[in-house]
Amino acid sequence: MNGYFADVGALARKDLLLELRARDTLPAMLLFVLATFVVFHFALPSGSSDLAASGLLWVAIVFTALLGLGRAFVPEREQRVFDALVLAPNDRSAIWVAKALATLAFLAGVEVVALPVFAAFFHGIGAATVGGVVLADVGICAVGTFVGAMATASRARELLLPLLFLPLAIPIVIGGVGASIVDSPGRYLGFLAVYDLIFATLCWASFDYVVAE
């Protein structure tokens, strides 16, 4: 077990160091989400409801995450090292865990800036919304990394990733919007937690089979 976590740590550290050197993913995600909020700010009619604003927040989060997920396996694809990672003498699920953790770090870093901007443009953000964002991020990165690994082997990877990911992200949007607008958000936060648990377990158990195929 210690060896498994060491593999995860080494692979996640590799992704984080590559991003620190290249600065490709984080700036792109940050510029995208900020530009999206600016567009929504001027496009949304004055006096629009909190429901509309919350929906826009979650749309922005999902599509920003999709941008990051689309670049998650770019280094492995460009350097042709994904097959080497799969053939390495370690548990293949460690690749998925490490990539999901690195993507989660990128998404969280973007949201640290983006959420205050959203609050300034639209309305304040409550603790339930922040909790929903945290739980949603886990599900987004778990599922998105899994389907990203599936798509990376395809020639139509740029098209396949959103086609696979967006339907699976619909429950996340439902849970996130519900947690943002209702007075008692516990049910929606619980829904997001159950989603994370189920899909993270399924992705972890299935990753070895997916990359082997």
N, C-alpha and C. Protein backbone atom coordinates (compact mmCIF):
# COMPACT_ATOMS: atom_id res chain seq x y z
N MET A 1 0.83 -1.22 0.00
CA MET A 1 0.00 0.00 0.00
C MET A 1 0.86 1.26 0.00
N ASN A 2 1.97 1.23 0.76
CA ASN A 2 2.86 2.38 0.76
C ASN A 2 3.44 2.63 -0.64
N GLY A 3 3.74 1.53 -1.35
CA GLY A 3 4.24 1.67 -2.71
C GLY A 3 3.21 2.28 -3.65
N TYR A 4 1.94 1.94 -3.42
CA TYR A 4 0.86 2.49 -4.25
C TYR A 4 0.78 4.00 -4.08
N PHE A 5 0.79 4.46 -2.84
CA PHE A 5 0.71 5.90 -2.59
C PHE A 5 1.97 6.62 -3.06
N ALA A 6 3.11 5.92 -3.01
CA ALA A 6 4.34 6.53 -3.54
C ALA A 6 4.23 6.72 -5.05
N ASP A 7 3.65 5.73 -5.74
CA ASP A 7 3.43 5.87 -7.18
C ASP A 7 2.49 7.02 -7.50
N VAL A 8 1.40 7.11 -6.75
CA VAL A 8 0.44 8.20 -6.95
C VAL A 8 1.12 9.55 -6.74
N GLY A 9 1.89 9.65 -5.65
CA GLY A 9 2.57 10.91 -5.36
C GLY A 9 3.56 11.30 -6.44
N ALA A 10 4.31 10.33 -6.95
CA ALA A 10 5.31 10.61 -7.99
C ALA A 10 4.63 11.07 -9.29
N LEU A 11 3.55 10.39 -9.66
CA LEU A 11 2.86 10.75 -10.90
C LEU A 11 2.17 12.11 -10.79
N ALA A 12 1.52 12.38 -9.65
CA ALA A 12 0.87 13.67 -9.46
C ALA A 12 1.90 14.80 -9.42
N ARG A 13 3.02 14.56 -8.76
CA ARG A 13 4.08 15.57 -8.70
C ARG A 13 4.62 15.87 -10.09
N LYS A 14 4.72 14.84 -10.93
CA LYS A 14 5.18 15.04 -12.31
C LYS A 14 4.24 16.00 -13.05
N ASP A 15 2.93 15.78 -12.92
CA ASP A 15 1.96 16.65 -13.61
C ASP A 15 2.01 18.08 -13.09
N LEU A 16 2.14 18.23 -11.79
CA LEU A 16 2.18 19.57 -11.20
C LEU A 16 3.45 20.31 -11.62
N LEU A 17 4.57 19.62 -11.65
CA LEU A 17 5.83 20.26 -12.06
C LEU A 17 5.80 20.65 -13.53
N LEU A 18 5.20 19.79 -14.36
CA LEU A 18 5.08 20.13 -15.78
C LEU A 18 4.24 21.38 -15.97
N GLU A 19 3.17 21.52 -15.19
CA GLU A 19 2.32 22.69 -15.31
C GLU A 19 3.04 23.94 -14.81
N LEU A 20 3.80 23.81 -13.73
CA LEU A 20 4.54 24.96 -13.22
C LEU A 20 5.57 25.45 -14.25
N ARG A 21 6.13 24.54 -15.01
CA ARG A 21 7.13 24.92 -16.00
C ARG A 21 6.49 25.45 -17.28
N ALA A 22 5.44 24.80 -17.74
CA ALA A 22 4.84 25.16 -19.03
C ALA A 22 3.79 26.25 -18.90
N ARG A 23 3.06 26.26 -17.80
CA ARG A 23 1.97 27.22 -17.57
C ARG A 23 0.99 27.24 -18.75
N ASP A 24 0.50 26.06 -19.08
CA ASP A 24 -0.44 25.94 -20.19
C ASP A 24 -1.89 25.82 -19.70
N THR A 25 -2.13 24.95 -18.74
CA THR A 25 -3.50 24.60 -18.36
C THR A 25 -4.13 25.65 -17.46
N LEU A 26 -3.46 26.04 -16.39
CA LEU A 26 -4.06 26.98 -15.43
C LEU A 26 -4.41 28.33 -16.05
N PRO A 27 -3.50 28.99 -16.77
CA PRO A 27 -3.89 30.27 -17.38
C PRO A 27 -5.05 30.14 -18.35
N ALA A 28 -5.07 29.06 -19.13
CA ALA A 28 -6.17 28.88 -20.08
C ALA A 28 -7.49 28.70 -19.36
N MET A 29 -7.50 27.90 -18.31
CA MET A 29 -8.74 27.70 -17.55
C MET A 29 -9.19 28.98 -16.88
N LEU A 30 -8.24 29.72 -16.31
CA LEU A 30 -8.60 30.95 -15.60
C LEU A 30 -9.14 32.01 -16.55
N LEU A 31 -8.49 32.19 -17.69
CA LEU A 31 -8.97 33.17 -18.66
C LEU A 31 -10.34 32.78 -19.20
N PHE A 32 -10.55 31.49 -19.39
CA PHE A 32 -11.84 31.03 -19.91
C PHE A 32 -12.96 31.32 -18.92
N VAL A 33 -12.77 30.96 -17.65
CA VAL A 33 -13.86 31.14 -16.69
C VAL A 33 -14.12 32.61 -16.43
N LEU A 34 -13.08 33.43 -16.37
CA LEU A 34 -13.29 34.86 -16.16
C LEU A 34 -13.99 35.50 -17.35
N ALA A 35 -13.59 35.11 -18.56
CA ALA A 35 -14.27 35.63 -19.74
C ALA A 35 -15.73 35.19 -19.77
N THR A 36 -15.98 33.98 -19.33
CA THR A 36 -17.36 33.48 -19.27
C THR A 36 -18.20 34.30 -18.31
N PHE A 37 -17.65 34.62 -17.14
CA PHE A 37 -18.39 35.42 -16.17
C PHE A 37 -18.66 36.83 -16.70
N VAL A 38 -17.69 37.39 -17.41
CA VAL A 38 -17.90 38.73 -17.98
C VAL A 38 -19.03 38.70 -19.01
N VAL A 39 -19.02 37.68 -19.86
CA VAL A 39 -20.08 37.55 -20.87
C VAL A 39 -21.43 37.37 -20.19
N PHE A 40 -21.50 36.50 -19.18
CA PHE A 40 -22.75 36.27 -18.46
C PHE A 40 -23.22 37.54 -17.76
N HIS A 41 -22.27 38.30 -17.24
CA HIS A 41 -22.63 39.52 -16.51
C HIS A 41 -23.37 40.51 -17.41
N PHE A 42 -22.92 40.64 -18.64
CA PHE A 42 -23.57 41.58 -19.55
C PHE A 42 -24.75 40.96 -20.29
N ALA A 43 -24.76 39.63 -20.42
CA ALA A 43 -25.85 38.97 -21.14
C ALA A 43 -27.07 38.72 -20.26
N LEU A 44 -26.85 38.53 -18.95
CA LEU A 44 -27.96 38.23 -18.05
C LEU A 44 -28.76 39.50 -17.79
N PRO A 45 -30.06 39.47 -17.98
CA PRO A 45 -30.87 40.68 -17.77
C PRO A 45 -30.77 41.20 -16.34
N SER A 46 -30.87 42.50 -16.17
CA SER A 46 -30.83 43.09 -14.84
C SER A 46 -32.00 42.59 -14.00
N GLY A 47 -31.71 42.25 -12.76
CA GLY A 47 -32.75 41.75 -11.86
C GLY A 47 -33.05 40.28 -12.02
N SER A 48 -32.20 39.53 -12.72
CA SER A 48 -32.41 38.10 -12.89
C SER A 48 -32.33 37.38 -11.55
N SER A 49 -32.96 36.24 -11.48
CA SER A 49 -33.07 35.51 -10.22
C SER A 49 -31.75 34.86 -9.84
N ASP A 50 -31.66 34.50 -8.55
CA ASP A 50 -30.49 33.77 -8.08
C ASP A 50 -30.38 32.41 -8.77
N LEU A 51 -31.53 31.83 -9.13
CA LEU A 51 -31.52 30.53 -9.81
C LEU A 51 -30.78 30.62 -11.14
N ALA A 52 -31.04 31.68 -11.89
CA ALA A 52 -30.37 31.85 -13.17
C ALA A 52 -28.87 32.04 -12.98
N ALA A 53 -28.50 32.87 -12.01
CA ALA A 53 -27.08 33.11 -11.76
C ALA A 53 -26.38 31.84 -11.30
N SER A 54 -27.03 31.06 -10.44
CA SER A 54 -26.43 29.81 -9.96
C SER A 54 -26.25 28.82 -11.10
N GLY A 55 -27.23 28.77 -11.98
CA GLY A 55 -27.10 27.89 -13.13
C GLY A 55 -25.91 28.27 -13.99
N LEU A 56 -25.70 29.55 -14.19
CA LEU A 56 -24.56 30.01 -14.98
C LEU A 56 -23.24 29.67 -14.30
N LEU A 57 -23.21 29.76 -12.97
CA LEU A 57 -21.99 29.38 -12.23
C LEU A 57 -21.61 27.94 -12.53
N TRP A 58 -22.58 27.05 -12.47
CA TRP A 58 -22.27 25.64 -12.64
C TRP A 58 -21.97 25.29 -14.07
N VAL A 59 -22.59 25.98 -15.01
CA VAL A 59 -22.22 25.79 -16.41
C VAL A 59 -20.76 26.21 -16.62
N ALA A 60 -20.38 27.33 -16.04
CA ALA A 60 -19.00 27.80 -16.17
C ALA A 60 -18.02 26.83 -15.54
N ILE A 61 -18.35 26.28 -14.38
CA ILE A 61 -17.45 25.34 -13.71
C ILE A 61 -17.25 24.08 -14.55
N VAL A 62 -18.35 23.53 -15.06
CA VAL A 62 -18.27 22.29 -15.84
C VAL A 62 -17.45 22.49 -17.10
N PHE A 63 -17.68 23.58 -17.83
CA PHE A 63 -16.95 23.77 -19.08
C PHE A 63 -15.50 24.19 -18.84
N THR A 64 -15.24 24.87 -17.75
CA THR A 64 -13.84 25.16 -17.40
C THR A 64 -13.10 23.88 -17.06
N ALA A 65 -13.76 23.01 -16.30
CA ALA A 65 -13.16 21.72 -15.98
C ALA A 65 -12.93 20.90 -17.25
N LEU A 66 -13.87 20.98 -18.19
CA LEU A 66 -13.72 20.24 -19.44
C LEU A 66 -12.50 20.71 -20.21
N LEU A 67 -12.23 22.02 -20.16
CA LEU A 67 -11.03 22.55 -20.80
C LEU A 67 -9.77 21.95 -20.17
N GLY A 68 -9.74 21.88 -18.84
CA GLY A 68 -8.59 21.29 -18.16
C GLY A 68 -8.47 19.80 -18.42
N LEU A 69 -9.60 19.09 -18.45
CA LEU A 69 -9.57 17.65 -18.70
C LEU A 69 -9.09 17.35 -20.11
N GLY A 70 -9.44 18.24 -21.04
CA GLY A 70 -8.99 18.04 -22.42
C GLY A 70 -7.48 18.11 -22.57
N ARG A 71 -6.83 18.79 -21.62
CA ARG A 71 -5.37 18.91 -21.66
C ARG A 71 -4.68 17.97 -20.68
N ALA A 72 -5.45 17.17 -19.96
CA ALA A 72 -4.87 16.35 -18.90
C ALA A 72 -3.86 15.35 -19.42
N PHE A 73 -4.15 14.74 -20.55
CA PHE A 73 -3.27 13.71 -21.09
C PHE A 73 -2.44 14.20 -22.26
N VAL A 74 -2.39 15.53 -22.46
CA VAL A 74 -1.61 16.08 -23.57
C VAL A 74 -0.12 15.73 -23.46
N PRO A 75 0.52 15.90 -22.28
CA PRO A 75 1.96 15.56 -22.21
C PRO A 75 2.23 14.10 -22.56
N GLU A 76 1.39 13.20 -22.05
CA GLU A 76 1.58 11.77 -22.34
C GLU A 76 1.37 11.50 -23.83
N ARG A 77 0.41 12.20 -24.44
CA ARG A 77 0.12 11.97 -25.86
C ARG A 77 1.22 12.53 -26.74
N GLU A 78 1.69 13.74 -26.41
CA GLU A 78 2.71 14.37 -27.25
C GLU A 78 4.05 13.66 -27.14
N GLN A 79 4.40 13.22 -25.94
CA GLN A 79 5.69 12.55 -25.73
C GLN A 79 5.61 11.04 -25.92
N ARG A 80 4.38 10.54 -26.21
CA ARG A 80 4.17 9.10 -26.45
C ARG A 80 4.63 8.25 -25.27
N VAL A 81 4.24 8.67 -24.08
CA VAL A 81 4.65 7.93 -22.88
C VAL A 81 3.48 7.26 -22.17
N PHE A 82 2.26 7.40 -22.69
CA PHE A 82 1.12 6.80 -22.01
C PHE A 82 1.25 5.28 -21.98
N ASP A 83 1.67 4.69 -23.10
CA ASP A 83 1.85 3.24 -23.14
C ASP A 83 2.92 2.80 -22.14
N ALA A 84 3.95 3.62 -21.98
CA ALA A 84 5.01 3.28 -21.01
C ALA A 84 4.46 3.30 -19.58
N LEU A 85 3.59 4.27 -19.29
CA LEU A 85 2.98 4.33 -17.96
C LEU A 85 2.12 3.10 -17.71
N VAL A 86 1.38 2.69 -18.73
CA VAL A 86 0.51 1.52 -18.58
C VAL A 86 1.33 0.26 -18.37
N LEU A 87 2.48 0.15 -19.05
CA LEU A 87 3.31 -1.05 -18.96
C LEU A 87 4.25 -1.04 -17.76
N ALA A 88 4.33 0.08 -17.05
CA ALA A 88 5.22 0.16 -15.87
C ALA A 88 4.76 -0.80 -14.79
N PRO A 89 5.68 -1.30 -13.96
CA PRO A 89 5.33 -2.28 -12.93
C PRO A 89 4.68 -1.62 -11.70
N ASN A 90 3.53 -1.04 -11.91
CA ASN A 90 2.79 -0.45 -10.79
C ASN A 90 1.30 -0.63 -11.09
N ASP A 91 0.50 -0.47 -10.06
CA ASP A 91 -0.95 -0.56 -10.23
C ASP A 91 -1.41 0.53 -11.18
N ARG A 92 -2.12 0.14 -12.25
CA ARG A 92 -2.52 1.11 -13.26
C ARG A 92 -3.51 2.13 -12.72
N SER A 93 -4.26 1.77 -11.70
CA SER A 93 -5.21 2.74 -11.14
C SER A 93 -4.49 3.93 -10.51
N ALA A 94 -3.20 3.76 -10.17
CA ALA A 94 -2.44 4.89 -9.63
C ALA A 94 -2.33 6.01 -10.66
N ILE A 95 -2.33 5.66 -11.96
CA ILE A 95 -2.29 6.69 -13.01
C ILE A 95 -3.55 7.54 -12.93
N TRP A 96 -4.70 6.88 -12.78
CA TRP A 96 -5.98 7.60 -12.70
C TRP A 96 -6.04 8.47 -11.45
N VAL A 97 -5.65 7.92 -10.30
CA VAL A 97 -5.70 8.69 -9.05
C VAL A 97 -4.80 9.92 -9.14
N ALA A 98 -3.59 9.74 -9.64
CA ALA A 98 -2.64 10.86 -9.73
C ALA A 98 -3.14 11.93 -10.70
N LYS A 99 -3.63 11.51 -11.85
CA LYS A 99 -4.11 12.48 -12.83
C LYS A 99 -5.34 13.22 -12.31
N ALA A 100 -6.22 12.51 -11.61
CA ALA A 100 -7.41 13.15 -11.03
C ALA A 100 -7.01 14.16 -9.95
N LEU A 101 -6.02 13.83 -9.13
CA LEU A 101 -5.57 14.75 -8.09
C LEU A 101 -4.93 15.99 -8.69
N ALA A 102 -4.13 15.81 -9.73
CA ALA A 102 -3.50 16.96 -10.38
C ALA A 102 -4.56 17.87 -11.01
N THR A 103 -5.53 17.27 -11.69
CA THR A 103 -6.60 18.06 -12.30
C THR A 103 -7.43 18.77 -11.23
N LEU A 104 -7.65 18.09 -10.11
CA LEU A 104 -8.38 18.70 -9.00
C LEU A 104 -7.62 19.91 -8.46
N ALA A 105 -6.31 19.81 -8.39
CA ALA A 105 -5.51 20.95 -7.92
C ALA A 105 -5.62 22.12 -8.88
N PHE A 106 -5.59 21.84 -10.19
CA PHE A 106 -5.73 22.92 -11.17
C PHE A 106 -7.09 23.59 -11.06
N LEU A 107 -8.14 22.77 -10.96
CA LEU A 107 -9.50 23.31 -10.90
C LEU A 107 -9.71 24.12 -9.62
N ALA A 108 -9.20 23.62 -8.50
CA ALA A 108 -9.32 24.36 -7.24
C ALA A 108 -8.57 25.68 -7.31
N GLY A 109 -7.39 25.67 -7.92
CA GLY A 109 -6.64 26.91 -8.06
C GLY A 109 -7.38 27.96 -8.87
N VAL A 110 -8.05 27.53 -9.92
CA VAL A 110 -8.85 28.45 -10.74
C VAL A 110 -10.03 28.98 -9.94
N GLU A 111 -10.69 28.13 -9.19
CA GLU A 111 -11.89 28.54 -8.46
C GLU A 111 -11.58 29.49 -7.31
N VAL A 112 -10.38 29.42 -6.77
CA VAL A 112 -9.99 30.37 -5.72
C VAL A 112 -10.10 31.81 -6.24
N VAL A 113 -9.81 31.99 -7.51
CA VAL A 113 -9.93 33.32 -8.13
C VAL A 113 -11.34 33.53 -8.69
N ALA A 114 -11.89 32.51 -9.30
CA ALA A 114 -13.15 32.67 -10.04
C ALA A 114 -14.35 32.88 -9.13
N LEU A 115 -14.43 32.20 -8.00
CA LEU A 115 -15.61 32.32 -7.15
C LEU A 115 -15.78 33.73 -6.58
N PRO A 116 -14.72 34.38 -6.09
CA PRO A 116 -14.91 35.79 -5.66
C PRO A 116 -15.34 36.71 -6.80
N VAL A 117 -14.84 36.45 -8.00
CA VAL A 117 -15.25 37.26 -9.15
C VAL A 117 -16.74 37.04 -9.42
N PHE A 118 -17.18 35.80 -9.37
CA PHE A 118 -18.60 35.52 -9.55
C PHE A 118 -19.44 36.22 -8.49
N ALA A 119 -18.99 36.17 -7.24
CA ALA A 119 -19.72 36.82 -6.16
C ALA A 119 -19.82 38.32 -6.38
N ALA A 120 -18.77 38.92 -6.92
CA ALA A 120 -18.79 40.36 -7.18
C ALA A 120 -19.72 40.71 -8.33
N PHE A 121 -19.78 39.87 -9.34
CA PHE A 121 -20.60 40.15 -10.52
C PHE A 121 -22.08 39.88 -10.29
N PHE A 122 -22.40 38.85 -9.52
CA PHE A 122 -23.79 38.41 -9.42
C PHE A 122 -24.33 38.55 -8.00
N HIS A 123 -24.05 37.59 -7.14
CA HIS A 123 -24.53 37.68 -5.77
C HIS A 123 -23.57 36.91 -4.87
N GLY A 124 -23.68 37.10 -3.58
CA GLY A 124 -22.77 36.44 -2.65
C GLY A 124 -22.85 34.93 -2.72
N ILE A 125 -21.80 34.29 -2.31
CA ILE A 125 -21.73 32.83 -2.32
C ILE A 125 -21.77 32.32 -0.89
N GLY A 126 -22.72 31.44 -0.62
CA GLY A 126 -22.87 30.90 0.72
C GLY A 126 -21.99 29.68 0.94
N ALA A 127 -21.99 29.23 2.21
CA ALA A 127 -21.17 28.07 2.56
C ALA A 127 -21.65 26.82 1.83
N ALA A 128 -22.95 26.70 1.62
CA ALA A 128 -23.48 25.52 0.91
C ALA A 128 -22.97 25.47 -0.52
N THR A 129 -22.87 26.63 -1.15
CA THR A 129 -22.36 26.67 -2.52
C THR A 129 -20.90 26.24 -2.57
N VAL A 130 -20.12 26.73 -1.61
CA VAL A 130 -18.71 26.33 -1.55
C VAL A 130 -18.58 24.84 -1.30
N GLY A 131 -19.39 24.31 -0.39
CA GLY A 131 -19.38 22.87 -0.15
C GLY A 131 -19.77 22.09 -1.38
N GLY A 132 -20.78 22.59 -2.11
CA GLY A 132 -21.18 21.94 -3.35
C GLY A 132 -20.08 21.96 -4.38
N VAL A 133 -19.36 23.07 -4.48
CA VAL A 133 -18.25 23.17 -5.43
C VAL A 133 -17.16 22.15 -5.10
N VAL A 134 -16.84 22.02 -3.82
CA VAL A 134 -15.80 21.05 -3.42
C VAL A 134 -16.21 19.63 -3.79
N LEU A 135 -17.45 19.26 -3.45
CA LEU A 135 -17.91 17.91 -3.77
C LEU A 135 -18.02 17.71 -5.28
N ALA A 136 -18.48 18.73 -5.98
CA ALA A 136 -18.59 18.62 -7.43
C ALA A 136 -17.23 18.47 -8.08
N ASP A 137 -16.23 19.18 -7.58
CA ASP A 137 -14.89 19.09 -8.15
C ASP A 137 -14.35 17.66 -8.08
N VAL A 138 -14.62 16.99 -6.96
CA VAL A 138 -14.15 15.61 -6.81
C VAL A 138 -14.79 14.72 -7.87
N GLY A 139 -16.11 14.85 -8.04
CA GLY A 139 -16.79 14.04 -9.04
C GLY A 139 -16.36 14.37 -10.46
N ILE A 140 -16.21 15.66 -10.74
CA ILE A 140 -15.79 16.08 -12.08
C ILE A 140 -14.43 15.50 -12.43
N CYS A 141 -13.49 15.61 -11.51
CA CYS A 141 -12.13 15.14 -11.80
C CYS A 141 -12.04 13.62 -11.85
N ALA A 142 -12.81 12.94 -11.00
CA ALA A 142 -12.81 11.48 -11.03
C ALA A 142 -13.36 10.95 -12.34
N VAL A 143 -14.54 11.41 -12.71
CA VAL A 143 -15.18 10.93 -13.93
C VAL A 143 -14.47 11.47 -15.17
N GLY A 144 -14.12 12.75 -15.15
CA GLY A 144 -13.48 13.35 -16.31
C GLY A 144 -12.13 12.74 -16.63
N THR A 145 -11.36 12.41 -15.61
CA THR A 145 -10.06 11.78 -15.86
C THR A 145 -10.25 10.39 -16.45
N PHE A 146 -11.26 9.69 -15.98
CA PHE A 146 -11.54 8.34 -16.49
C PHE A 146 -11.91 8.38 -17.97
N VAL A 147 -12.85 9.24 -18.33
CA VAL A 147 -13.25 9.30 -19.74
C VAL A 147 -12.16 9.95 -20.59
N GLY A 148 -11.35 10.82 -19.98
CA GLY A 148 -10.23 11.39 -20.71
C GLY A 148 -9.22 10.33 -21.11
N ALA A 149 -8.98 9.36 -20.23
CA ALA A 149 -8.08 8.26 -20.56
C ALA A 149 -8.66 7.39 -21.67
N MET A 150 -9.98 7.23 -21.67
CA MET A 150 -10.62 6.49 -22.75
C MET A 150 -10.50 7.23 -24.08
N ALA A 151 -10.69 8.55 -24.03
CA ALA A 151 -10.70 9.34 -25.26
C ALA A 151 -9.32 9.52 -25.85
N THR A 152 -8.29 9.46 -25.02
CA THR A 152 -6.94 9.77 -25.50
C THR A 152 -6.44 8.77 -26.54
N ALA A 153 -7.01 7.57 -26.53
CA ALA A 153 -6.60 6.56 -27.51
C ALA A 153 -7.33 6.70 -28.84
N SER A 154 -8.29 7.62 -28.92
CA SER A 154 -9.09 7.79 -30.13
C SER A 154 -8.57 8.94 -30.98
N ARG A 155 -8.75 8.84 -32.28
CA ARG A 155 -8.37 9.95 -33.17
C ARG A 155 -9.30 11.15 -32.97
N ALA A 156 -10.53 10.89 -32.59
CA ALA A 156 -11.51 11.96 -32.37
C ALA A 156 -11.59 12.31 -30.89
N ARG A 157 -10.44 12.39 -30.24
CA ARG A 157 -10.42 12.58 -28.79
C ARG A 157 -11.06 13.90 -28.37
N GLU A 158 -10.87 14.98 -29.16
CA GLU A 158 -11.44 16.27 -28.81
C GLU A 158 -12.96 16.25 -28.84
N LEU A 159 -13.53 15.41 -29.69
CA LEU A 159 -14.98 15.27 -29.78
C LEU A 159 -15.51 14.25 -28.79
N LEU A 160 -14.75 13.17 -28.59
CA LEU A 160 -15.22 12.08 -27.74
C LEU A 160 -15.28 12.47 -26.28
N LEU A 161 -14.33 13.25 -25.81
CA LEU A 161 -14.31 13.62 -24.40
C LEU A 161 -15.58 14.35 -23.96
N PRO A 162 -15.98 15.45 -24.62
CA PRO A 162 -17.23 16.10 -24.18
C PRO A 162 -18.46 15.23 -24.36
N LEU A 163 -18.48 14.40 -25.42
CA LEU A 163 -19.64 13.53 -25.63
C LEU A 163 -19.80 12.52 -24.49
N LEU A 164 -18.69 12.05 -23.95
CA LEU A 164 -18.74 11.10 -22.84
C LEU A 164 -18.93 11.79 -21.49
N PHE A 165 -18.28 12.94 -21.34
CA PHE A 165 -18.25 13.58 -20.02
C PHE A 165 -19.53 14.35 -19.69
N LEU A 166 -20.05 15.13 -20.62
CA LEU A 166 -21.15 16.03 -20.31
C LEU A 166 -22.41 15.31 -19.82
N PRO A 167 -22.82 14.18 -20.43
CA PRO A 167 -23.98 13.47 -19.85
C PRO A 167 -23.74 13.00 -18.42
N LEU A 168 -22.51 12.58 -18.12
CA LEU A 168 -22.20 12.13 -16.76
C LEU A 168 -22.12 13.30 -15.78
N ALA A 169 -21.94 14.52 -16.30
CA ALA A 169 -21.85 15.70 -15.43
C ALA A 169 -23.22 16.30 -15.11
N ILE A 170 -24.27 15.84 -15.76
CA ILE A 170 -25.61 16.40 -15.50
C ILE A 170 -26.02 16.26 -14.04
N PRO A 171 -25.83 15.10 -13.40
CA PRO A 171 -26.17 15.01 -11.97
C PRO A 171 -25.38 15.99 -11.11
N ILE A 172 -24.14 16.28 -11.49
CA ILE A 172 -23.33 17.23 -10.74
C ILE A 172 -23.95 18.63 -10.83
N VAL A 173 -24.39 19.02 -12.01
CA VAL A 173 -25.02 20.32 -12.19
C VAL A 173 -26.31 20.41 -11.38
N ILE A 174 -27.11 19.34 -11.42
CA ILE A 174 -28.36 19.32 -10.65
C ILE A 174 -28.09 19.47 -9.16
N GLY A 175 -27.14 18.69 -8.65
CA GLY A 175 -26.81 18.77 -7.23
C GLY A 175 -26.21 20.10 -6.85
N GLY A 176 -25.36 20.65 -7.71
CA GLY A 176 -24.73 21.93 -7.41
C GLY A 176 -25.72 23.07 -7.40
N VAL A 177 -26.60 23.13 -8.39
CA VAL A 177 -27.61 24.18 -8.42
C VAL A 177 -28.54 24.06 -7.23
N GLY A 178 -28.95 22.84 -6.90
CA GLY A 178 -29.83 22.64 -5.75
C GLY A 178 -29.18 23.10 -4.45
N ALA A 179 -27.89 22.77 -4.28
CA ALA A 179 -27.20 23.18 -3.05
C ALA A 179 -27.03 24.69 -2.98
N SER A 180 -27.04 25.36 -4.14
CA SER A 180 -26.81 26.81 -4.16
C SER A 180 -28.07 27.62 -3.88
N ILE A 181 -29.25 27.05 -4.13
CA ILE A 181 -30.45 27.89 -4.09
C ILE A 181 -31.45 27.52 -3.01
N VAL A 182 -31.40 26.30 -2.49
CA VAL A 182 -32.42 25.90 -1.51
C VAL A 182 -31.98 26.31 -0.10
N ASP A 183 -32.97 26.43 0.79
CA ASP A 183 -32.68 26.83 2.17
C ASP A 183 -32.03 25.71 2.97
N SER A 184 -32.38 24.46 2.65
CA SER A 184 -31.81 23.31 3.35
C SER A 184 -31.08 22.44 2.33
N PRO A 185 -29.82 22.74 2.07
CA PRO A 185 -29.11 22.08 0.97
C PRO A 185 -28.55 20.71 1.29
N GLY A 186 -28.82 20.20 2.50
CA GLY A 186 -28.20 18.95 2.91
C GLY A 186 -28.48 17.80 1.96
N ARG A 187 -29.71 17.73 1.44
CA ARG A 187 -30.07 16.64 0.54
C ARG A 187 -29.23 16.68 -0.73
N TYR A 188 -29.01 17.88 -1.26
CA TYR A 188 -28.23 17.99 -2.50
C TYR A 188 -26.75 17.75 -2.25
N LEU A 189 -26.25 18.21 -1.12
CA LEU A 189 -24.85 17.93 -0.80
C LEU A 189 -24.64 16.43 -0.59
N GLY A 190 -25.60 15.79 0.05
CA GLY A 190 -25.53 14.34 0.21
C GLY A 190 -25.58 13.62 -1.13
N PHE A 191 -26.41 14.13 -2.03
CA PHE A 191 -26.48 13.56 -3.38
C PHE A 191 -25.13 13.65 -4.07
N LEU A 192 -24.46 14.80 -3.97
CA LEU A 192 -23.14 14.96 -4.59
C LEU A 192 -22.12 14.02 -3.96
N ALA A 193 -22.20 13.85 -2.63
CA ALA A 193 -21.26 12.96 -1.96
C ALA A 193 -21.47 11.51 -2.41
N VAL A 194 -22.72 11.09 -2.54
CA VAL A 194 -23.01 9.73 -3.01
C VAL A 194 -22.53 9.55 -4.45
N TYR A 195 -22.76 10.56 -5.28
CA TYR A 195 -22.28 10.52 -6.66
C TYR A 195 -20.76 10.32 -6.68
N ASP A 196 -20.05 11.11 -5.88
CA ASP A 196 -18.59 11.00 -5.82
C ASP A 196 -18.16 9.60 -5.42
N LEU A 197 -18.80 9.07 -4.39
CA LEU A 197 -18.41 7.76 -3.87
C LEU A 197 -18.64 6.67 -4.92
N ILE A 198 -19.81 6.68 -5.53
CA ILE A 198 -20.14 5.63 -6.50
C ILE A 198 -19.25 5.71 -7.73
N PHE A 199 -19.15 6.89 -8.31
CA PHE A 199 -18.41 6.99 -9.57
C PHE A 199 -16.91 6.89 -9.35
N ALA A 200 -16.40 7.41 -8.25
CA ALA A 200 -14.97 7.25 -7.98
C ALA A 200 -14.61 5.78 -7.80
N THR A 201 -15.47 5.03 -7.12
CA THR A 201 -15.23 3.60 -6.93
C THR A 201 -15.27 2.86 -8.26
N LEU A 202 -16.28 3.18 -9.10
CA LEU A 202 -16.39 2.53 -10.40
C LEU A 202 -15.19 2.86 -11.29
N CYS A 203 -14.78 4.11 -11.30
CA CYS A 203 -13.64 4.50 -12.13
C CYS A 203 -12.35 3.84 -11.65
N TRP A 204 -12.15 3.82 -10.35
CA TRP A 204 -10.95 3.18 -9.79
C TRP A 204 -10.90 1.70 -10.13
N ALA A 205 -12.05 1.02 -10.01
CA ALA A 205 -12.09 -0.42 -10.26
C ALA A 205 -11.99 -0.75 -11.75
N SER A 206 -12.42 0.17 -12.62
CA SER A 206 -12.48 -0.12 -14.05
C SER A 206 -11.29 0.38 -14.84
N PHE A 207 -10.47 1.25 -14.24
CA PHE A 207 -9.41 1.90 -15.00
C PHE A 207 -8.42 0.90 -15.58
N ASP A 208 -8.07 -0.10 -14.81
CA ASP A 208 -7.11 -1.10 -15.29
C ASP A 208 -7.63 -1.76 -16.57
N TYR A 209 -8.90 -2.11 -16.58
CA TYR A 209 -9.48 -2.76 -17.75
C TYR A 209 -9.53 -1.81 -18.94
N VAL A 210 -9.89 -0.56 -18.70
CA VAL A 210 -10.02 0.41 -19.79
C VAL A 210 -8.70 0.65 -20.50
N VAL A 211 -7.62 0.88 -19.74
CA VAL A 211 -6.33 1.17 -20.37
C VAL A 211 -5.72 -0.10 -20.99
N ALA A 212 -6.08 -1.26 -20.46
CA ALA A 212 -5.57 -2.50 -21.03
C ALA A 212 -6.17 -2.76 -22.41
N GLU A 213 -7.43 -2.31 -22.58
CA GLU A 213 -8.09 -2.48 -23.87
C GLU A 213 -7.62 -1.43 -24.87
